[in-house]
C-alpha cells in the first residue's frame, strides 16, 4: 500500500505534450531550413529529447533515463552520420570519438559533483546531470563542449537575476538540465551550420 502511495505522490516524469511538440516543431523547422537533411534529422531528434529533458527537469529536478541514455546512444549512433563529410574517417572512428568525448565529459562532471559534495556536505549535482554531460560529449565536438556548459551557466544566472531569488544560498536549488538541454541543442545547431 505504501508503494502505491509513493507512486501517486511522485512527480510526473512525463513531458508536457504542448511544450514537447512546440519546441520540437520549431527546432525541426529551423533544422530543415538551414541544415542538410541528415543533420536536420539528427537535430530534430536531439531537440525532441532535449525539450523533454528541460521540461521534466524544470518541474521535478529529475532527468529521466530515457532522455539521458537516449541522448547518449543517439549521439553515438549519429556520430558516423555527422562525420560523413570527412572521407578519411571510418564510422568506427567516429563512434569511438563520440564515446571518448562522452566518457571524458561525464568523468569531469562526476569529479565536480564529488568535489562539491565533499566540500559542502550536500549533493549539488545529480547523476542525471552527469549522464546529460555524457550526452553533451556524444553530440558535440571537443571544442564546442565548453561553449555548451558556458551557455547553460549564463542562462541559469540570467534566470536567477530576472527572478530575483531571495532564498538563502543553502536552500536554493536550480535544475541544471533545464538549462543544459536547450544549450546542447543550440550549440549543436550552430556548429552544424558550418559543416
N, C-alpha and C. Protein backbone atom coordinates (compact mmCIF):
# COMPACT_ATOMS: atom_id res chain seq x y z
N UNK A 1 0.81 -1.18 0.00
CA UNK A 1 0.00 0.00 0.00
C UNK A 1 0.87 1.27 0.00
N UNK A 2 1.98 1.23 0.74
CA UNK A 2 2.88 2.39 0.79
C UNK A 2 3.51 2.64 -0.57
N UNK A 3 3.77 1.56 -1.32
CA UNK A 3 4.38 1.72 -2.64
C UNK A 3 3.42 2.44 -3.59
N UNK A 4 2.14 2.13 -3.51
CA UNK A 4 1.14 2.80 -4.34
C UNK A 4 1.05 4.27 -3.97
N UNK A 5 1.09 4.57 -2.68
CA UNK A 5 1.04 5.97 -2.24
C UNK A 5 2.26 6.74 -2.73
N UNK A 6 3.46 6.09 -2.72
CA UNK A 6 4.67 6.74 -3.21
C UNK A 6 4.56 7.05 -4.69
N UNK A 7 4.01 6.11 -5.46
CA UNK A 7 3.86 6.32 -6.89
C UNK A 7 2.89 7.45 -7.19
N UNK A 8 1.82 7.55 -6.42
CA UNK A 8 0.84 8.60 -6.64
C UNK A 8 1.37 9.97 -6.26
N UNK A 9 2.26 10.01 -5.26
CA UNK A 9 2.80 11.30 -4.83
C UNK A 9 4.06 11.70 -5.59
N UNK A 10 4.64 10.77 -6.38
CA UNK A 10 5.87 11.07 -7.13
C UNK A 10 5.56 12.08 -8.24
N UNK A 11 6.51 12.97 -8.51
CA UNK A 11 6.29 13.94 -9.59
C UNK A 11 6.22 13.23 -10.94
N UNK A 12 5.46 13.79 -11.85
CA UNK A 12 5.29 13.19 -13.17
C UNK A 12 6.57 13.34 -13.99
N UNK A 13 7.02 12.23 -14.52
CA UNK A 13 8.21 12.26 -15.37
C UNK A 13 7.82 12.25 -16.84
N UNK A 14 6.58 12.61 -17.11
CA UNK A 14 6.13 12.74 -18.50
C UNK A 14 6.24 14.21 -18.90
N UNK A 15 6.77 14.45 -20.11
CA UNK A 15 6.87 15.85 -20.54
C UNK A 15 5.51 16.43 -20.89
N UNK A 16 5.42 17.74 -20.82
CA UNK A 16 4.22 18.44 -21.25
C UNK A 16 4.15 18.33 -22.78
N UNK A 17 3.07 17.74 -23.26
CA UNK A 17 2.94 17.45 -24.69
C UNK A 17 2.99 18.73 -25.52
N UNK A 18 2.37 19.79 -25.05
CA UNK A 18 2.36 21.05 -25.79
C UNK A 18 3.77 21.63 -25.93
N UNK A 19 4.51 21.61 -24.84
CA UNK A 19 5.90 22.11 -24.87
C UNK A 19 6.74 21.23 -25.79
N UNK A 20 6.56 19.93 -25.68
CA UNK A 20 7.34 18.99 -26.48
C UNK A 20 7.11 19.20 -27.98
N UNK A 21 5.85 19.29 -28.38
CA UNK A 21 5.53 19.47 -29.79
C UNK A 21 5.96 20.85 -30.28
N UNK A 22 5.71 21.89 -29.47
CA UNK A 22 6.08 23.25 -29.88
C UNK A 22 7.59 23.41 -30.05
N UNK A 23 8.35 22.97 -29.05
CA UNK A 23 9.81 23.13 -29.11
C UNK A 23 10.42 22.28 -30.21
N UNK A 24 9.95 21.03 -30.34
CA UNK A 24 10.49 20.16 -31.37
C UNK A 24 10.10 20.65 -32.76
N UNK A 25 8.87 21.14 -32.89
CA UNK A 25 8.43 21.67 -34.19
C UNK A 25 9.25 22.88 -34.61
N UNK A 26 9.48 23.80 -33.69
CA UNK A 26 10.28 24.99 -34.01
C UNK A 26 11.72 24.61 -34.35
N UNK A 27 12.31 23.73 -33.54
CA UNK A 27 13.69 23.31 -33.80
C UNK A 27 13.79 22.51 -35.10
N UNK A 28 12.79 21.67 -35.35
CA UNK A 28 12.78 20.90 -36.59
C UNK A 28 12.66 21.79 -37.81
N UNK A 29 11.80 22.80 -37.73
CA UNK A 29 11.64 23.74 -38.84
C UNK A 29 12.95 24.47 -39.13
N UNK A 30 13.59 24.99 -38.08
CA UNK A 30 14.89 25.66 -38.25
C UNK A 30 15.92 24.70 -38.85
N UNK A 31 15.91 23.48 -38.34
CA UNK A 31 16.90 22.49 -38.80
C UNK A 31 16.73 22.18 -40.28
N UNK A 32 15.49 21.95 -40.71
CA UNK A 32 15.27 21.60 -42.11
C UNK A 32 15.42 22.81 -43.04
N UNK A 33 15.28 24.01 -42.51
CA UNK A 33 15.50 25.20 -43.33
C UNK A 33 16.99 25.48 -43.56
N UNK A 34 17.83 25.20 -42.54
CA UNK A 34 19.21 25.65 -42.60
C UNK A 34 20.26 24.54 -42.66
N UNK A 35 19.88 23.30 -42.41
CA UNK A 35 20.87 22.22 -42.38
C UNK A 35 20.60 21.20 -43.49
N UNK A 36 21.65 20.53 -43.96
CA UNK A 36 21.42 19.42 -44.89
C UNK A 36 20.58 18.34 -44.19
N UNK A 37 19.83 17.58 -44.96
CA UNK A 37 18.83 16.69 -44.35
C UNK A 37 19.37 15.72 -43.32
N UNK A 38 20.57 15.10 -43.47
CA UNK A 38 20.99 14.18 -42.39
C UNK A 38 21.19 14.92 -41.06
N UNK A 39 21.78 16.11 -41.14
CA UNK A 39 21.97 16.90 -39.92
C UNK A 39 20.64 17.41 -39.39
N UNK A 40 19.71 17.74 -40.28
CA UNK A 40 18.40 18.22 -39.85
C UNK A 40 17.63 17.14 -39.09
N UNK A 41 17.72 15.91 -39.56
CA UNK A 41 17.06 14.79 -38.86
C UNK A 41 17.67 14.60 -37.48
N UNK A 42 19.01 14.60 -37.42
CA UNK A 42 19.69 14.45 -36.13
C UNK A 42 19.35 15.60 -35.19
N UNK A 43 19.32 16.81 -35.71
CA UNK A 43 18.99 17.98 -34.90
C UNK A 43 17.57 17.91 -34.35
N UNK A 44 16.64 17.44 -35.17
CA UNK A 44 15.25 17.34 -34.73
C UNK A 44 15.11 16.27 -33.65
N UNK A 45 15.78 15.14 -33.82
CA UNK A 45 15.75 14.10 -32.79
C UNK A 45 16.33 14.62 -31.48
N UNK A 46 17.47 15.31 -31.58
CA UNK A 46 18.09 15.87 -30.38
C UNK A 46 17.17 16.88 -29.72
N UNK A 47 16.49 17.71 -30.50
CA UNK A 47 15.59 18.71 -29.92
C UNK A 47 14.42 18.05 -29.20
N UNK A 48 13.93 16.94 -29.70
CA UNK A 48 12.85 16.21 -29.03
C UNK A 48 13.30 15.73 -27.66
N UNK A 49 14.47 15.12 -27.59
CA UNK A 49 14.99 14.63 -26.31
C UNK A 49 15.28 15.78 -25.35
N UNK A 50 15.87 16.86 -25.87
CA UNK A 50 16.25 17.97 -25.01
C UNK A 50 15.04 18.77 -24.53
N UNK A 51 14.00 18.88 -25.35
CA UNK A 51 12.77 19.56 -24.90
C UNK A 51 12.13 18.77 -23.77
N UNK A 52 12.10 17.45 -23.92
CA UNK A 52 11.53 16.60 -22.86
C UNK A 52 12.37 16.72 -21.58
N UNK A 53 13.69 16.67 -21.72
CA UNK A 53 14.55 16.76 -20.54
C UNK A 53 14.44 18.09 -19.82
N UNK A 54 14.43 19.18 -20.58
CA UNK A 54 14.34 20.51 -19.96
C UNK A 54 13.01 20.69 -19.24
N UNK A 55 11.93 20.26 -19.86
CA UNK A 55 10.61 20.40 -19.24
C UNK A 55 10.51 19.58 -17.95
N UNK A 56 10.91 18.33 -18.01
CA UNK A 56 10.79 17.46 -16.84
C UNK A 56 11.71 17.94 -15.72
N UNK A 57 12.96 18.29 -16.05
CA UNK A 57 13.90 18.71 -15.01
C UNK A 57 13.47 20.02 -14.37
N UNK A 58 12.87 20.92 -15.14
CA UNK A 58 12.44 22.20 -14.56
C UNK A 58 11.31 22.01 -13.54
N UNK A 59 10.52 20.97 -13.70
CA UNK A 59 9.40 20.71 -12.78
C UNK A 59 9.77 19.77 -11.63
N UNK A 60 10.64 18.80 -11.89
CA UNK A 60 10.86 17.73 -10.92
C UNK A 60 12.27 17.64 -10.37
N UNK A 61 13.23 18.35 -10.97
CA UNK A 61 14.64 18.24 -10.62
C UNK A 61 15.16 16.83 -10.88
N UNK A 62 14.57 16.16 -11.87
CA UNK A 62 14.98 14.82 -12.27
C UNK A 62 15.12 14.77 -13.78
N UNK A 63 16.12 14.05 -14.24
CA UNK A 63 16.30 13.81 -15.67
C UNK A 63 16.07 12.32 -15.91
N UNK A 64 14.99 11.96 -16.59
CA UNK A 64 14.70 10.54 -16.80
C UNK A 64 15.79 9.84 -17.63
N UNK A 65 16.00 8.58 -17.33
CA UNK A 65 17.00 7.79 -18.06
C UNK A 65 16.68 7.71 -19.54
N UNK A 66 15.40 7.68 -19.89
CA UNK A 66 15.05 7.59 -21.31
C UNK A 66 15.57 8.82 -22.07
N UNK A 67 15.63 9.95 -21.41
CA UNK A 67 16.16 11.16 -22.05
C UNK A 67 17.68 11.11 -22.08
N UNK A 68 18.30 10.85 -20.94
CA UNK A 68 19.77 10.90 -20.89
C UNK A 68 20.40 9.76 -21.68
N UNK A 69 19.96 8.54 -21.44
CA UNK A 69 20.54 7.42 -22.19
C UNK A 69 20.15 7.50 -23.66
N UNK A 70 18.93 7.96 -23.94
CA UNK A 70 18.52 8.13 -25.32
C UNK A 70 19.41 9.12 -26.05
N UNK A 71 19.77 10.21 -25.38
CA UNK A 71 20.65 11.22 -25.99
C UNK A 71 22.07 10.69 -26.15
N UNK A 72 22.55 9.91 -25.19
CA UNK A 72 23.90 9.34 -25.30
C UNK A 72 23.96 8.37 -26.48
N UNK A 73 23.03 7.43 -26.50
CA UNK A 73 23.04 6.39 -27.54
C UNK A 73 22.82 7.01 -28.93
N UNK A 74 21.86 7.92 -29.04
CA UNK A 74 21.60 8.52 -30.35
C UNK A 74 22.78 9.38 -30.80
N UNK A 75 23.47 10.02 -29.87
CA UNK A 75 24.66 10.80 -30.24
C UNK A 75 25.78 9.92 -30.76
N UNK A 76 25.96 8.76 -30.13
CA UNK A 76 27.00 7.83 -30.59
C UNK A 76 26.61 7.23 -31.94
N UNK A 77 25.34 6.85 -32.08
CA UNK A 77 24.89 6.28 -33.36
C UNK A 77 24.91 7.32 -34.48
N UNK A 78 24.66 8.58 -34.15
CA UNK A 78 24.65 9.63 -35.17
C UNK A 78 26.06 10.09 -35.54
N UNK A 79 27.05 9.77 -34.73
CA UNK A 79 28.41 10.26 -34.97
C UNK A 79 28.94 9.93 -36.37
N UNK A 80 28.78 8.70 -36.87
CA UNK A 80 29.26 8.44 -38.24
C UNK A 80 28.52 9.28 -39.28
N UNK A 81 27.24 9.50 -39.07
CA UNK A 81 26.46 10.33 -39.98
C UNK A 81 26.94 11.78 -39.93
N UNK A 82 27.23 12.26 -38.73
CA UNK A 82 27.65 13.65 -38.56
C UNK A 82 29.05 13.88 -39.09
N UNK A 83 29.89 12.84 -39.07
CA UNK A 83 31.25 12.95 -39.57
C UNK A 83 31.38 12.45 -41.00
N UNK A 84 30.26 12.24 -41.67
CA UNK A 84 30.30 11.66 -43.02
C UNK A 84 30.96 12.60 -44.03
N UNK A 85 31.18 13.84 -43.65
CA UNK A 85 31.80 14.79 -44.56
C UNK A 85 33.32 14.64 -44.60
N UNK A 86 33.86 13.81 -43.72
CA UNK A 86 35.28 13.52 -43.71
C UNK A 86 35.50 12.14 -44.35
N UNK A 87 35.97 12.08 -45.59
CA UNK A 87 36.08 10.80 -46.27
C UNK A 87 37.14 9.87 -45.69
N UNK A 88 38.04 10.39 -44.88
CA UNK A 88 39.12 9.58 -44.34
C UNK A 88 38.78 8.94 -43.01
N UNK A 89 37.65 9.28 -42.44
CA UNK A 89 37.30 8.76 -41.12
C UNK A 89 36.27 7.64 -41.27
N UNK A 90 36.55 6.50 -40.66
CA UNK A 90 35.62 5.38 -40.73
C UNK A 90 34.49 5.58 -39.71
N UNK A 91 33.35 4.90 -39.91
CA UNK A 91 32.25 5.00 -38.93
C UNK A 91 32.67 4.58 -37.53
N UNK A 92 33.57 3.60 -37.44
CA UNK A 92 34.02 3.13 -36.12
C UNK A 92 34.84 4.21 -35.41
N UNK A 93 35.63 4.95 -36.18
CA UNK A 93 36.41 6.03 -35.58
C UNK A 93 35.49 7.14 -35.06
N UNK A 94 34.47 7.46 -35.84
CA UNK A 94 33.52 8.50 -35.43
C UNK A 94 32.79 8.10 -34.16
N UNK A 95 32.29 6.86 -34.12
CA UNK A 95 31.59 6.38 -32.92
C UNK A 95 32.53 6.30 -31.73
N UNK A 96 33.76 5.86 -31.98
CA UNK A 96 34.75 5.78 -30.90
C UNK A 96 35.08 7.16 -30.33
N UNK A 97 35.19 8.15 -31.22
CA UNK A 97 35.46 9.51 -30.76
C UNK A 97 34.29 10.05 -29.94
N UNK A 98 33.06 9.73 -30.35
CA UNK A 98 31.89 10.18 -29.59
C UNK A 98 31.86 9.52 -28.21
N UNK A 99 32.20 8.25 -28.15
CA UNK A 99 32.24 7.54 -26.86
C UNK A 99 33.31 8.15 -25.96
N UNK A 100 34.48 8.44 -26.53
CA UNK A 100 35.57 9.06 -25.75
C UNK A 100 35.16 10.43 -25.20
N UNK A 101 34.55 11.25 -26.06
CA UNK A 101 34.09 12.58 -25.61
C UNK A 101 33.02 12.44 -24.52
N UNK A 102 32.10 11.50 -24.70
CA UNK A 102 31.05 11.29 -23.70
C UNK A 102 31.64 10.86 -22.36
N UNK A 103 32.59 9.93 -22.40
CA UNK A 103 33.20 9.45 -21.16
C UNK A 103 34.00 10.56 -20.47
N UNK A 104 34.76 11.33 -21.23
CA UNK A 104 35.56 12.42 -20.64
C UNK A 104 34.67 13.49 -20.02
N UNK A 105 33.61 13.87 -20.72
CA UNK A 105 32.72 14.92 -20.22
C UNK A 105 31.99 14.45 -18.97
N UNK A 106 31.50 13.21 -18.98
CA UNK A 106 30.81 12.67 -17.80
C UNK A 106 31.78 12.55 -16.63
N UNK A 107 33.02 12.12 -16.91
CA UNK A 107 34.01 11.98 -15.85
C UNK A 107 34.31 13.32 -15.18
N UNK A 108 34.47 14.37 -16.00
CA UNK A 108 34.75 15.70 -15.42
C UNK A 108 33.58 16.21 -14.58
N UNK A 109 32.36 16.00 -15.04
CA UNK A 109 31.21 16.45 -14.24
C UNK A 109 31.05 15.59 -12.99
N UNK A 110 31.39 14.31 -13.08
CA UNK A 110 31.34 13.44 -11.89
C UNK A 110 32.37 13.90 -10.86
N UNK A 111 33.54 14.32 -11.33
CA UNK A 111 34.55 14.86 -10.40
C UNK A 111 34.05 16.14 -9.74
N UNK A 112 33.43 17.02 -10.52
CA UNK A 112 32.86 18.24 -9.96
C UNK A 112 31.78 17.92 -8.93
N UNK A 113 30.94 16.94 -9.26
CA UNK A 113 29.88 16.50 -8.34
C UNK A 113 30.48 16.02 -7.02
N UNK A 114 31.51 15.19 -7.11
CA UNK A 114 32.17 14.63 -5.91
C UNK A 114 32.85 15.73 -5.10
N UNK A 115 33.54 16.65 -5.78
CA UNK A 115 34.23 17.73 -5.08
C UNK A 115 33.24 18.62 -4.35
N UNK A 116 32.15 18.98 -5.00
CA UNK A 116 31.13 19.82 -4.37
C UNK A 116 30.53 19.11 -3.16
N UNK A 117 30.22 17.83 -3.32
CA UNK A 117 29.61 17.08 -2.21
C UNK A 117 30.56 16.97 -1.02
N UNK A 118 31.86 16.80 -1.28
CA UNK A 118 32.79 16.68 -0.16
C UNK A 118 33.05 18.03 0.51
N UNK A 119 33.03 19.11 -0.27
CA UNK A 119 33.24 20.44 0.31
C UNK A 119 32.01 20.95 1.06
N UNK A 120 30.85 20.78 0.47
CA UNK A 120 29.62 21.35 1.03
C UNK A 120 28.82 20.38 1.89
N UNK A 121 29.19 19.10 1.86
CA UNK A 121 28.49 18.05 2.62
C UNK A 121 27.02 17.93 2.19
N UNK A 122 26.76 18.24 0.93
CA UNK A 122 25.42 18.09 0.36
C UNK A 122 25.56 17.88 -1.14
N UNK A 123 24.57 17.26 -1.72
CA UNK A 123 24.61 16.99 -3.16
C UNK A 123 24.29 18.26 -3.93
N UNK A 124 25.12 18.56 -4.91
CA UNK A 124 24.87 19.73 -5.75
C UNK A 124 24.43 19.36 -7.15
N UNK A 125 24.94 18.25 -7.63
CA UNK A 125 24.58 17.74 -8.95
C UNK A 125 24.09 16.30 -8.79
N UNK A 126 23.09 15.96 -9.57
CA UNK A 126 22.59 14.59 -9.53
C UNK A 126 23.26 13.74 -10.59
N UNK A 127 23.00 12.44 -10.55
CA UNK A 127 23.56 11.54 -11.56
C UNK A 127 22.95 11.82 -12.94
N UNK A 128 21.73 12.35 -12.96
CA UNK A 128 21.12 12.71 -14.24
C UNK A 128 21.93 13.78 -14.95
N UNK A 129 22.48 14.72 -14.19
CA UNK A 129 23.32 15.77 -14.78
C UNK A 129 24.61 15.18 -15.35
N UNK A 130 25.17 14.19 -14.66
CA UNK A 130 26.38 13.53 -15.15
C UNK A 130 26.08 12.78 -16.45
N UNK A 131 24.94 12.09 -16.50
CA UNK A 131 24.55 11.39 -17.73
C UNK A 131 24.26 12.38 -18.86
N UNK A 132 23.67 13.51 -18.52
CA UNK A 132 23.42 14.53 -19.54
C UNK A 132 24.74 15.09 -20.06
N UNK A 133 25.74 15.19 -19.19
CA UNK A 133 27.06 15.64 -19.63
C UNK A 133 27.65 14.65 -20.63
N UNK A 134 27.41 13.36 -20.42
CA UNK A 134 27.87 12.36 -21.39
C UNK A 134 27.18 12.58 -22.73
N UNK A 135 25.91 12.94 -22.71
CA UNK A 135 25.19 13.23 -23.95
C UNK A 135 25.80 14.44 -24.66
N UNK A 136 26.17 15.45 -23.88
CA UNK A 136 26.83 16.63 -24.46
C UNK A 136 28.10 16.19 -25.19
N UNK A 137 28.88 15.34 -24.55
CA UNK A 137 30.10 14.84 -25.18
C UNK A 137 29.84 14.00 -26.41
N UNK A 138 28.77 13.22 -26.39
CA UNK A 138 28.45 12.36 -27.54
C UNK A 138 28.04 13.18 -28.76
N UNK A 139 27.36 14.29 -28.54
CA UNK A 139 26.81 15.07 -29.66
C UNK A 139 27.74 16.17 -30.16
N UNK A 140 28.59 16.72 -29.31
CA UNK A 140 29.37 17.90 -29.70
C UNK A 140 30.85 17.57 -29.87
N UNK A 141 31.52 18.30 -30.76
CA UNK A 141 32.98 18.16 -30.84
C UNK A 141 33.62 18.73 -29.57
N UNK A 142 34.84 18.28 -29.27
CA UNK A 142 35.52 18.70 -28.04
C UNK A 142 35.53 20.22 -27.88
N UNK A 143 35.82 20.94 -28.96
CA UNK A 143 35.97 22.38 -28.84
C UNK A 143 34.65 23.10 -28.56
N UNK A 144 33.50 22.45 -28.78
CA UNK A 144 32.20 23.08 -28.54
C UNK A 144 31.64 22.77 -27.15
N UNK A 145 32.19 21.79 -26.47
CA UNK A 145 31.66 21.38 -25.16
C UNK A 145 31.73 22.52 -24.13
N UNK A 146 32.86 23.23 -24.00
CA UNK A 146 32.87 24.35 -23.04
C UNK A 146 31.84 25.43 -23.36
N UNK A 147 31.60 25.68 -24.64
CA UNK A 147 30.60 26.68 -25.02
C UNK A 147 29.21 26.25 -24.57
N UNK A 148 28.93 24.96 -24.64
CA UNK A 148 27.62 24.44 -24.21
C UNK A 148 27.42 24.66 -22.71
N UNK A 149 28.42 24.29 -21.91
CA UNK A 149 28.30 24.49 -20.46
C UNK A 149 28.30 25.96 -20.10
N UNK A 150 29.07 26.76 -20.82
CA UNK A 150 29.08 28.20 -20.56
C UNK A 150 27.74 28.84 -20.87
N UNK A 151 27.13 28.45 -21.98
CA UNK A 151 25.81 28.97 -22.34
C UNK A 151 24.76 28.58 -21.30
N UNK A 152 24.81 27.34 -20.84
CA UNK A 152 23.86 26.89 -19.83
C UNK A 152 24.05 27.66 -18.52
N UNK A 153 25.31 27.90 -18.13
CA UNK A 153 25.59 28.62 -16.89
C UNK A 153 25.12 30.08 -16.98
N UNK A 154 25.36 30.71 -18.12
CA UNK A 154 24.92 32.09 -18.30
C UNK A 154 23.39 32.17 -18.29
N UNK A 155 22.73 31.24 -18.95
CA UNK A 155 21.26 31.22 -18.97
C UNK A 155 20.70 31.02 -17.56
N UNK A 156 21.33 30.15 -16.78
CA UNK A 156 20.88 29.93 -15.40
C UNK A 156 21.07 31.19 -14.56
N UNK A 157 22.22 31.85 -14.72
CA UNK A 157 22.48 33.09 -13.98
C UNK A 157 21.48 34.17 -14.35
N UNK A 158 21.20 34.34 -15.62
CA UNK A 158 20.23 35.33 -16.06
C UNK A 158 18.85 35.01 -15.50
N UNK A 159 18.50 33.74 -15.48
CA UNK A 159 17.20 33.32 -14.92
C UNK A 159 17.09 33.70 -13.45
N UNK A 160 18.16 33.47 -12.71
CA UNK A 160 18.15 33.81 -11.28
C UNK A 160 18.06 35.32 -11.10
N UNK A 161 18.80 36.08 -11.90
CA UNK A 161 18.76 37.54 -11.78
C UNK A 161 17.39 38.10 -12.14
N UNK A 162 16.77 37.54 -13.15
CA UNK A 162 15.44 38.01 -13.56
C UNK A 162 14.41 37.72 -12.48
N UNK A 163 14.49 36.52 -11.92
CA UNK A 163 13.51 36.15 -10.88
C UNK A 163 13.79 36.83 -9.55
N UNK A 164 15.01 37.30 -9.37
CA UNK A 164 15.34 37.99 -8.12
C UNK A 164 15.17 37.11 -6.89
N UNK A 165 15.80 35.94 -6.91
CA UNK A 165 15.64 34.99 -5.81
C UNK A 165 16.10 35.60 -4.48
N UNK A 166 15.29 35.44 -3.47
CA UNK A 166 15.62 35.92 -2.13
C UNK A 166 15.99 34.78 -1.20
N UNK A 167 15.97 33.55 -1.72
CA UNK A 167 16.27 32.38 -0.88
C UNK A 167 17.70 32.45 -0.37
N UNK A 168 17.89 31.85 0.78
CA UNK A 168 19.24 31.69 1.29
C UNK A 168 19.99 30.72 0.38
N UNK A 169 21.28 30.89 0.26
CA UNK A 169 22.08 30.06 -0.63
C UNK A 169 21.95 28.58 -0.28
N UNK A 170 21.83 28.26 1.00
CA UNK A 170 21.73 26.86 1.41
C UNK A 170 20.44 26.21 0.93
N UNK A 171 19.39 26.98 0.75
CA UNK A 171 18.09 26.42 0.35
C UNK A 171 17.82 26.55 -1.14
N UNK A 172 18.72 27.15 -1.86
CA UNK A 172 18.47 27.44 -3.26
C UNK A 172 18.79 26.23 -4.13
N UNK A 173 17.85 25.88 -5.02
CA UNK A 173 18.04 24.77 -5.95
C UNK A 173 17.75 25.27 -7.36
N UNK A 174 18.54 24.82 -8.30
CA UNK A 174 18.37 25.20 -9.68
C UNK A 174 18.57 23.95 -10.53
N UNK A 175 17.63 23.63 -11.42
CA UNK A 175 17.77 22.42 -12.24
C UNK A 175 18.73 22.64 -13.41
N UNK A 176 19.92 22.08 -13.32
CA UNK A 176 20.93 22.26 -14.36
C UNK A 176 20.43 21.78 -15.72
N UNK A 177 19.72 20.66 -15.74
CA UNK A 177 19.25 20.10 -17.01
C UNK A 177 18.30 21.02 -17.75
N UNK A 178 17.55 21.83 -17.02
CA UNK A 178 16.62 22.76 -17.67
C UNK A 178 17.37 23.80 -18.51
N UNK A 179 18.63 24.02 -18.21
CA UNK A 179 19.45 24.98 -18.97
C UNK A 179 20.42 24.27 -19.91
N UNK A 180 20.92 23.11 -19.48
CA UNK A 180 21.90 22.38 -20.30
C UNK A 180 21.25 21.72 -21.52
N UNK A 181 20.02 21.27 -21.38
CA UNK A 181 19.33 20.63 -22.52
C UNK A 181 19.16 21.60 -23.70
N UNK A 182 18.58 22.79 -23.49
CA UNK A 182 18.47 23.71 -24.62
C UNK A 182 19.83 24.17 -25.14
N UNK A 183 20.80 24.32 -24.24
CA UNK A 183 22.14 24.74 -24.66
C UNK A 183 22.76 23.68 -25.57
N UNK A 184 22.57 22.42 -25.24
CA UNK A 184 23.11 21.34 -26.08
C UNK A 184 22.53 21.41 -27.49
N UNK A 185 21.21 21.54 -27.58
CA UNK A 185 20.63 21.61 -28.92
C UNK A 185 21.12 22.85 -29.68
N UNK A 186 21.14 24.00 -29.02
CA UNK A 186 21.53 25.24 -29.68
C UNK A 186 22.98 25.19 -30.17
N UNK A 187 23.89 24.69 -29.34
CA UNK A 187 25.29 24.61 -29.74
C UNK A 187 25.44 23.58 -30.87
N UNK A 188 24.72 22.47 -30.79
CA UNK A 188 24.75 21.50 -31.89
C UNK A 188 24.28 22.14 -33.19
N UNK A 189 23.18 22.87 -33.13
CA UNK A 189 22.62 23.52 -34.32
C UNK A 189 23.62 24.51 -34.91
N UNK A 190 24.19 25.36 -34.08
CA UNK A 190 25.12 26.38 -34.55
C UNK A 190 26.38 25.75 -35.14
N UNK A 191 26.92 24.73 -34.47
CA UNK A 191 28.12 24.08 -35.01
C UNK A 191 27.80 23.33 -36.30
N UNK A 192 26.58 22.86 -36.45
CA UNK A 192 26.19 22.14 -37.66
C UNK A 192 26.05 23.08 -38.85
N UNK A 193 25.81 24.35 -38.61
CA UNK A 193 25.68 25.31 -39.71
C UNK A 193 26.97 25.43 -40.51
N UNK A 194 28.10 25.20 -39.85
CA UNK A 194 29.39 25.35 -40.52
C UNK A 194 29.89 24.06 -41.15
N UNK A 195 29.13 22.99 -41.07
CA UNK A 195 29.59 21.71 -41.66
C UNK A 195 29.30 21.68 -43.14
